[in-house]
Amino acid sequence: MRTFRHLTAALVVLPLVISACTNTPVDPTVNLGQTTFDEFFKNTFYMSWYEPGYAVYPSEDVDGFNSAVAKIASHLNAGGEGNYKMVMVLKPNCGCQHTQREMPRVMKTLDQAGFSRDNIELWLTDSPLNGIDEIKSLYNIDVAPTFLLLQGDSELGRIEVEDDTPGSTISIELANLFDK
């Protein structure tokens, strides 16, 4: 009986959670598509999750974080920072837990490594991936958030955050992209 109640509750709540991301953005004044960090940081809803996430990261595996930062910094110093570009496709409007958790972590890692924000493209989308038509087919994007690392015009790798990767952190995964 107890299992049946939990299953029933899950069947009621799950569609509500899924539909929350398929509806129009929480903040209708925010345009989907490419944006700047200045515009992103002006949005108080985004800052409500970005700033705390950035401030507390890393709370665990500090050695792994520091190692990832050092690895990225060494690639930037060896290969010339201007050769690298990061493309971030995010779902910040609908309460996407993956965007809200991973975007501040990726930014903290890149900031600590000395990766210039001038070399980062921010693209905002929703669950149907509206607003990113310019890059959707160019980079074969079918999920958000996605973090693409480019060197010149070549994609070195990507992190598509749909599920957590056991035994790894986003910083370590990001650093590993530089080795490809």
C-alpha atoms as a PDB file:
ATOM      1  CA  MET A   1       0.000   0.000   0.000  1.00  0.00           C
ATOM      2  CA  ARG A   2       2.823   2.349   0.916  1.00  0.00           C
ATOM      3  CA  THR A   3       4.607   1.729  -2.401  1.00  0.00           C
ATOM      4  CA  PHE A   4       1.360   2.386  -4.259  1.00  0.00           C
ATOM      5  CA  ARG A   5       1.017   5.797  -2.573  1.00  0.00           C
ATOM      6  CA  HIS A   6       4.592   6.732  -3.507  1.00  0.00           C
ATOM      7  CA  LEU A   7       4.049   5.587  -7.074  1.00  0.00           C
ATOM      8  CA  THR A   8       0.808   7.548  -7.319  1.00  0.00           C
ATOM      9  CA  ALA A   9       2.488  10.662  -5.922  1.00  0.00           C
ATOM     10  CA  ALA A  10       5.345  10.292  -8.417  1.00  0.00           C
ATOM     11  CA  LEU A  11       2.928   9.929 -11.308  1.00  0.00           C
ATOM     12  CA  VAL A  12       1.169  13.122 -10.274  1.00  0.00           C
ATOM     13  CA  VAL A  13       4.292  15.198  -9.598  1.00  0.00           C
ATOM     14  CA  LEU A  14       6.457  14.047 -12.529  1.00  0.00           C
ATOM     15  CA  PRO A  15       4.283  15.568 -15.285  1.00  0.00           C
ATOM     16  CA  LEU A  16       4.182  18.850 -13.362  1.00  0.00           C
ATOM     17  CA  VAL A  17       7.972  18.934 -13.115  1.00  0.00           C
ATOM     18  CA  ILE A  18       8.415  18.084 -16.796  1.00  0.00           C
ATOM     19  CA  SER A  19       5.827  20.604 -17.932  1.00  0.00           C
ATOM     20  CA  ALA A  20       7.495  23.338 -15.882  1.00  0.00           C
ATOM     21  CA  CYS A  21      10.359  23.358 -18.358  1.00  0.00           C
ATOM     22  CA  THR A  22       8.224  23.154 -21.457  1.00  0.00           C
ATOM     23  CA  ASN A  23       6.165  26.215 -20.647  1.00  0.00           C
ATOM     24  CA  THR A  24       7.201  29.725 -21.563  1.00  0.00           C
ATOM     25  CA  PRO A  25      10.168  31.145 -19.630  1.00  0.00           C
ATOM     26  CA  VAL A  26       9.633  32.235 -16.030  1.00  0.00           C
ATOM     27  CA  ASP A  27      10.841  35.726 -16.918  1.00  0.00           C
ATOM     28  CA  PRO A  28       9.108  36.815 -20.145  1.00  0.00           C
ATOM     29  CA  THR A  29      11.411  39.842 -20.462  1.00  0.00           C
ATOM     30  CA  VAL A  30      14.359  37.552 -21.159  1.00  0.00           C
ATOM     31  CA  ASN A  31      15.027  36.821 -24.794  1.00  0.00           C
ATOM     32  CA  LEU A  32      16.162  33.398 -25.848  1.00  0.00           C
ATOM     33  CA  GLY A  33      19.222  33.191 -28.045  1.00  0.00           C
ATOM     34  CA  GLN A  34      22.702  34.578 -27.691  1.00  0.00           C
ATOM     35  CA  THR A  35      23.319  36.928 -24.777  1.00  0.00           C
ATOM     36  CA  THR A  36      26.187  38.635 -22.980  1.00  0.00           C
ATOM     37  CA  PHE A  37      27.439  38.124 -19.459  1.00  0.00           C
ATOM     38  CA  ASP A  38      26.351  41.696 -18.661  1.00  0.00           C
ATOM     39  CA  GLU A  39      22.775  40.890 -19.668  1.00  0.00           C
ATOM     40  CA  PHE A  40      22.871  37.538 -17.900  1.00  0.00           C
ATOM     41  CA  PHE A  41      24.141  39.086 -14.658  1.00  0.00           C
ATOM     42  CA  LYS A  42      21.453  41.808 -14.728  1.00  0.00           C
ATOM     43  CA  ASN A  43      18.756  39.154 -14.320  1.00  0.00           C
ATOM     44  CA  THR A  44      17.953  38.854 -10.597  1.00  0.00           C
ATOM     45  CA  PHE A  45      16.368  35.407 -11.050  1.00  0.00           C
ATOM     46  CA  TYR A  46      19.590  34.064 -12.565  1.00  0.00           C
ATOM     47  CA  MET A  47      21.676  35.681  -9.854  1.00  0.00           C
ATOM     48  CA  SER A  48      19.528  34.039  -7.183  1.00  0.00           C
ATOM     49  CA  TRP A  49      21.041  30.677  -8.127  1.00  0.00           C
ATOM     50  CA  TYR A  50      24.270  31.665  -9.905  1.00  0.00           C
ATOM     51  CA  GLU A  51      25.958  33.643  -7.109  1.00  0.00           C
ATOM     52  CA  PRO A  52      25.421  31.074  -4.321  1.00  0.00           C
ATOM     53  CA  GLY A  53      26.455  28.217  -6.614  1.00  0.00           C
ATOM     54  CA  TYR A  54      29.602  30.054  -7.687  1.00  0.00           C
ATOM     55  CA  ALA A  55      30.493  31.072  -4.117  1.00  0.00           C
ATOM     56  CA  VAL A  56      30.323  27.616  -2.530  1.00  0.00           C
ATOM     57  CA  TYR A  57      32.023  25.654  -5.311  1.00  0.00           C
ATOM     58  CA  PRO A  58      33.983  23.498  -4.699  1.00  0.00           C
ATOM     59  CA  SER A  59      32.680  22.300  -1.357  1.00  0.00           C
ATOM     60  CA  GLU A  60      33.981  18.780  -1.967  1.00  0.00           C
ATOM     61  CA  ASP A  61      36.981  17.394  -3.864  1.00  0.00           C
ATOM     62  CA  VAL A  62      38.959  20.627  -3.619  1.00  0.00           C
ATOM     63  CA  ASP A  63      42.074  18.766  -4.787  1.00  0.00           C
ATOM     64  CA  GLY A  64      40.263  17.579  -7.923  1.00  0.00           C
ATOM     65  CA  PHE A  65      39.070  21.130  -8.591  1.00  0.00           C
ATOM     66  CA  ASN A  66      42.565  22.578  -8.140  1.00  0.00           C
ATOM     67  CA  SER A  67      44.021  19.885 -10.381  1.00  0.00           C
ATOM     68  CA  ALA A  68      41.428  20.614 -13.085  1.00  0.00           C
ATOM     69  CA  VAL A  69      42.113  24.356 -12.874  1.00  0.00           C
ATOM     70  CA  ALA A  70      45.878  23.782 -13.158  1.00  0.00           C
ATOM     71  CA  LYS A  71      45.389  21.471 -16.148  1.00  0.00           C
ATOM     72  CA  ILE A  72      43.217  24.010 -17.985  1.00  0.00           C
ATOM     73  CA  ALA A  73      45.607  26.857 -17.148  1.00  0.00           C
ATOM     74  CA  SER A  74      48.554  24.882 -18.519  1.00  0.00           C
ATOM     75  CA  HIS A  75      46.700  24.309 -21.808  1.00  0.00           C
ATOM     76  CA  LEU A  76      45.797  27.992 -22.016  1.00  0.00           C
ATOM     77  CA  ASN A  77      49.410  28.988 -21.395  1.00  0.00           C
ATOM     78  CA  ALA A  78      50.804  26.437 -23.863  1.00  0.00           C
ATOM     79  CA  GLY A  79      48.277  26.798 -26.663  1.00  0.00           C
ATOM     80  CA  GLY A  80      47.391  30.428 -26.417  1.00  0.00           C
ATOM     81  CA  GLU A  81      44.133  31.325 -24.741  1.00  0.00           C
ATOM     82  CA  GLY A  82      42.711  32.938 -27.865  1.00  0.00           C
ATOM     83  CA  ASN A  83      42.726  29.571 -29.621  1.00  0.00           C
ATOM     84  CA  TYR A  84      40.018  28.250 -27.306  1.00  0.00           C
ATOM     85  CA  LYS A  85      36.335  29.113 -27.242  1.00  0.00           C
ATOM     86  CA  MET A  86      33.556  27.842 -25.004  1.00  0.00           C
ATOM     87  CA  VAL A  87      29.942  27.717 -26.191  1.00  0.00           C
ATOM     88  CA  MET A  88      27.405  27.343 -23.390  1.00  0.00           C
ATOM     89  CA  VAL A  89      23.805  26.434 -24.176  1.00  0.00           C
ATOM     90  CA  LEU A  90      21.749  26.927 -21.035  1.00  0.00           C
ATOM     91  CA  LYS A  91      18.164  26.635 -19.811  1.00  0.00           C
ATOM     92  CA  PRO A  92      18.184  29.254 -17.054  1.00  0.00           C
ATOM     93  CA  ASN A  93      14.505  30.278 -17.128  1.00  0.00           C
ATOM     94  CA  CYS A  94      12.658  27.117 -16.231  1.00  0.00           C
ATOM     95  CA  GLY A  95      14.382  26.106 -13.023  1.00  0.00           C
ATOM     96  CA  CYS A  96      16.598  23.571 -14.805  1.00  0.00           C
ATOM     97  CA  GLN A  97      18.573  22.045 -11.949  1.00  0.00           C
ATOM     98  CA  HIS A  98      21.417  20.999 -14.254  1.00  0.00           C
ATOM     99  CA  THR A  99      21.926  24.525 -15.623  1.00  0.00           C
ATOM    100  CA  GLN A 100      21.612  26.041 -12.167  1.00  0.00           C
ATOM    101  CA  ARG A 101      24.125  23.602 -10.664  1.00  0.00           C
ATOM    102  CA  GLU A 102      26.678  23.249 -13.470  1.00  0.00           C
ATOM    103  CA  MET A 103      26.904  26.697 -15.069  1.00  0.00           C
ATOM    104  CA  PRO A 104      28.311  28.367 -11.911  1.00  0.00           C
ATOM    105  CA  ARG A 105      30.723  25.450 -11.460  1.00  0.00           C
ATOM    106  CA  VAL A 106      31.963  25.648 -15.042  1.00  0.00           C
ATOM    107  CA  MET A 107      32.368  29.417 -14.746  1.00  0.00           C
ATOM    108  CA  LYS A 108      34.280  29.155 -11.456  1.00  0.00           C
ATOM    109  CA  THR A 109      36.602  26.555 -12.988  1.00  0.00           C
ATOM    110  CA  LEU A 110      37.226  28.632 -16.120  1.00  0.00           C
ATOM    111  CA  ASP A 111      37.641  31.864 -14.125  1.00  0.00           C
ATOM    112  CA  GLN A 112      40.191  30.270 -11.793  1.00  0.00           C
ATOM    113  CA  ALA A 113      42.103  28.869 -14.790  1.00  0.00           C
ATOM    114  CA  GLY A 114      42.255  32.313 -16.436  1.00  0.00           C
ATOM    115  CA  PHE A 115      39.893  31.538 -19.328  1.00  0.00           C
ATOM    116  CA  SER A 116      38.658  34.896 -20.605  1.00  0.00           C
ATOM    117  CA  ARG A 117      34.920  35.468 -20.614  1.00  0.00           C
ATOM    118  CA  ASP A 118      35.450  37.167 -23.967  1.00  0.00           C
ATOM    119  CA  ASN A 119      36.020  33.661 -25.353  1.00  0.00           C
ATOM    120  CA  ILE A 120      32.694  32.333 -24.062  1.00  0.00           C
ATOM    121  CA  GLU A 121      29.432  32.437 -26.007  1.00  0.00           C
ATOM    122  CA  LEU A 122      26.254  32.253 -23.916  1.00  0.00           C
ATOM    123  CA  TRP A 123      23.091  30.918 -25.560  1.00  0.00           C
ATOM    124  CA  LEU A 124      19.808  30.764 -23.662  1.00  0.00           C
ATOM    125  CA  THR A 125      17.110  28.291 -24.600  1.00  0.00           C
ATOM    126  CA  ASP A 126      14.169  26.363 -23.200  1.00  0.00           C
ATOM    127  CA  SER A 127      13.255  22.676 -23.276  1.00  0.00           C
ATOM    128  CA  PRO A 128      12.109  22.712 -26.925  1.00  0.00           C
ATOM    129  CA  LEU A 129      15.480  24.387 -27.674  1.00  0.00           C
ATOM    130  CA  ASN A 130      13.964  27.610 -29.003  1.00  0.00           C
ATOM    131  CA  GLY A 131      16.211  30.572 -29.716  1.00  0.00           C
ATOM    132  CA  ILE A 132      19.316  28.648 -30.743  1.00  0.00           C
ATOM    133  CA  ASP A 133      18.540  27.902 -34.393  1.00  0.00           C
ATOM    134  CA  GLU A 134      21.808  29.567 -35.478  1.00  0.00           C
ATOM    135  CA  ILE A 135      23.925  27.048 -33.599  1.00  0.00           C
ATOM    136  CA  LYS A 136      21.633  24.037 -33.133  1.00  0.00           C
ATOM    137  CA  SER A 137      22.568  22.361 -36.418  1.00  0.00           C
ATOM    138  CA  LEU A 138      26.058  23.874 -36.590  1.00  0.00           C
ATOM    139  CA  TYR A 139      27.049  22.128 -33.340  1.00  0.00           C
ATOM    140  CA  ASN A 140      24.437  19.342 -33.404  1.00  0.00           C
ATOM    141  CA  ILE A 141      22.847  20.436 -30.130  1.00  0.00           C
ATOM    142  CA  ASP A 142      19.930  18.371 -28.926  1.00  0.00           C
ATOM    143  CA  VAL A 143      20.055  18.905 -25.167  1.00  0.00           C
ATOM    144  CA  ALA A 144      20.687  21.740 -22.749  1.00  0.00           C
ATOM    145  CA  PRO A 145      22.744  22.479 -20.870  1.00  0.00           C
ATOM    146  CA  THR A 146      25.604  21.739 -23.217  1.00  0.00           C
ATOM    147  CA  PHE A 147      29.154  23.030 -22.823  1.00  0.00           C
ATOM    148  CA  LEU A 148      31.239  22.896 -26.022  1.00  0.00           C
ATOM    149  CA  LEU A 149      34.977  23.465 -26.116  1.00  0.00           C
ATOM    150  CA  LEU A 150      36.354  24.613 -29.458  1.00  0.00           C
ATOM    151  CA  GLN A 151      39.916  25.135 -30.580  1.00  0.00           C
ATOM    152  CA  GLY A 152      39.853  27.286 -33.650  1.00  0.00           C
ATOM    153  CA  ASP A 153      36.900  25.934 -35.626  1.00  0.00           C
ATOM    154  CA  SER A 154      37.254  22.373 -34.336  1.00  0.00           C
ATOM    155  CA  GLU A 155      35.238  20.947 -31.500  1.00  0.00           C
ATOM    156  CA  LEU A 156      37.517  19.378 -28.915  1.00  0.00           C
ATOM    157  CA  GLY A 157      34.630  17.981 -26.926  1.00  0.00           C
ATOM    158  CA  ARG A 158      31.404  18.652 -25.120  1.00  0.00           C
ATOM    159  CA  ILE A 159      29.662  18.044 -21.873  1.00  0.00           C
ATOM    160  CA  GLU A 160      25.946  17.435 -22.186  1.00  0.00           C
ATOM    161  CA  VAL A 161      24.418  17.494 -18.752  1.00  0.00           C
ATOM    162  CA  GLU A 162      21.372  15.281 -18.564  1.00  0.00           C
ATOM    163  CA  ASP A 163      22.379  13.055 -15.695  1.00  0.00           C
ATOM    164  CA  ASP A 164      25.109  13.092 -13.103  1.00  0.00           C
ATOM    165  CA  THR A 165      28.285  11.204 -13.985  1.00  0.00           C
ATOM    166  CA  PRO A 166      29.195   9.060 -10.981  1.00  0.00           C
ATOM    167  CA  GLY A 167      32.725   9.534  -9.667  1.00  0.00           C
ATOM    168  CA  SER A 168      33.425  12.717 -11.610  1.00  0.00           C
ATOM    169  CA  THR A 169      32.954  16.437 -11.290  1.00  0.00           C
ATOM    170  CA  ILE A 170      32.184  18.968 -13.989  1.00  0.00           C
ATOM    171  CA  SER A 171      35.613  20.557 -13.408  1.00  0.00           C
ATOM    172  CA  ILE A 172      37.434  17.298 -14.086  1.00  0.00           C
ATOM    173  CA  GLU A 173      35.263  16.562 -17.134  1.00  0.00           C
ATOM    174  CA  LEU A 174      35.941  20.077 -18.413  1.00  0.00           C
ATOM    175  CA  ALA A 175      39.700  19.763 -17.918  1.00  0.00           C
ATOM    176  CA  ASN A 176      39.675  16.447 -19.772  1.00  0.00           C
ATOM    177  CA  LEU A 177      38.193  18.162 -22.838  1.00  0.00           C
ATOM    178  CA  PHE A 178      41.447  20.100 -23.227  1.00  0.00           C
ATOM    179  CA  ASP A 179      43.365  16.825 -23.689  1.00  0.00           C
ATOM    180  CA  LYS A 180      41.463  15.796 -26.793  1.00  0.00           C
END
